């Protein structure tokens, strides 16, 4: 599974992108479960965010969903954090 996160917004309005491919990883099942929960709670269109808040575009194997601060679910926040930390 290929997961791409694109973060926009924030005070400085700096875009940040990261991607991870879970194929062949020992923890791929955990990634898949987390990703399914995070994507299920996301929107198909970009939601209205708050001033200086971050907006996220999450693409999983070609399917794109959207979410934004401060209304991220715990699963969305965890997924975004993991991809931004471990992804390239």
Protein backbone atom coordinates (compact mmCIF):
# COMPACT_ATOMS: atom_id res chain seq x y z
CA UNK A 1 0.00 0.00 0.00
CA UNK A 2 1.35 3.42 -0.96
CA UNK A 3 0.28 6.27 1.33
CA UNK A 4 0.92 9.90 0.40
CA UNK A 5 0.19 12.83 2.73
CA UNK A 6 0.16 16.45 1.59
CA UNK A 7 -0.14 19.08 4.32
CA UNK A 8 -0.99 22.70 3.51
CA UNK A 9 -1.82 25.77 5.55
CA UNK A 10 -0.57 26.71 8.96
CA UNK A 11 0.77 30.06 10.04
CA UNK A 12 3.62 30.06 7.50
CA UNK A 13 1.58 28.31 4.78
CA UNK A 14 4.41 25.89 4.02
CA UNK A 15 3.47 22.77 2.05
CA UNK A 16 4.89 19.50 3.25
CA UNK A 17 4.64 16.11 1.58
CA UNK A 18 5.64 12.60 2.56
CA UNK A 19 5.01 9.14 1.19
CA UNK A 20 5.49 5.63 2.44
CA UNK A 21 5.14 2.25 0.76
CA UNK A 22 4.10 -0.44 3.22
CA UNK A 23 4.68 -3.38 0.84
CA UNK A 24 7.07 -5.87 2.35
CA UNK A 25 7.11 -4.25 5.79
CA UNK A 26 6.63 -6.46 8.82
CA UNK A 27 4.09 -3.98 10.19
CA UNK A 28 2.11 -3.64 6.95
CA UNK A 29 -1.02 -5.10 8.58
CA UNK A 30 -0.94 -2.40 11.25
CA UNK A 31 -0.51 0.28 8.58
CA UNK A 32 -3.43 -1.12 6.60
CA UNK A 33 -5.75 -1.22 9.61
CA UNK A 34 -4.82 2.32 10.70
CA UNK A 35 -5.17 3.65 7.15
CA UNK A 36 -8.58 2.07 6.63
CA UNK A 37 -9.91 3.68 9.84
CA UNK A 38 -8.38 7.08 9.02
CA UNK A 39 -9.69 7.12 5.46
CA UNK A 40 -13.18 5.94 6.49
CA UNK A 41 -13.58 9.05 8.68
CA UNK A 42 -12.25 11.50 6.06
CA UNK A 43 -14.08 13.61 3.47
CA UNK A 44 -14.22 13.21 -0.30
CA UNK A 45 -13.98 17.01 -0.69
CA UNK A 46 -11.68 19.40 1.20
CA UNK A 47 -13.46 20.53 4.41
CA UNK A 48 -13.44 24.12 5.59
CA UNK A 49 -10.62 24.50 8.07
CA UNK A 50 -9.76 27.18 10.58
CA UNK A 51 -7.44 30.18 10.11
CA UNK A 52 -3.80 29.09 10.34
CA UNK A 53 -4.85 25.44 10.68
CA UNK A 54 -3.45 22.60 8.62
CA UNK A 55 -5.38 20.85 5.87
CA UNK A 56 -4.45 17.36 4.71
CA UNK A 57 -4.82 15.43 1.49
CA UNK A 58 -4.30 11.70 2.01
CA UNK A 59 -3.92 9.49 -1.05
CA UNK A 60 -3.90 5.73 -0.62
CA UNK A 61 -3.27 3.66 -3.74
CA UNK A 62 -4.79 6.35 -5.95
CA UNK A 63 -7.83 7.21 -3.76
CA UNK A 64 -7.72 10.69 -2.23
CA UNK A 65 -9.54 11.95 0.87
CA UNK A 66 -9.30 15.17 2.88
CA UNK A 67 -9.30 16.26 6.51
CA UNK A 68 -8.23 19.29 8.52
CA UNK A 69 -7.31 20.54 11.96
CA UNK A 70 -8.81 20.77 14.50
CA UNK A 71 -11.27 18.05 13.49
CA UNK A 72 -8.86 15.18 12.91
CA UNK A 73 -9.76 11.83 14.38
CA UNK A 74 -7.14 10.09 16.52
CA UNK A 75 -6.53 7.63 13.67
CA UNK A 76 -6.05 10.43 11.13
CA UNK A 77 -3.63 12.26 13.41
CA UNK A 78 -1.67 9.05 14.05
CA UNK A 79 -1.51 8.15 10.35
CA UNK A 80 -0.43 11.65 9.31
CA UNK A 81 2.23 11.77 12.03
CA UNK A 82 3.62 8.34 11.11
CA UNK A 83 3.77 9.08 7.38
CA UNK A 84 5.40 12.47 7.95
CA UNK A 85 7.95 10.90 10.32
CA UNK A 86 8.79 7.70 8.45
CA UNK A 87 8.03 8.67 4.86
CA UNK A 88 10.29 10.25 2.32
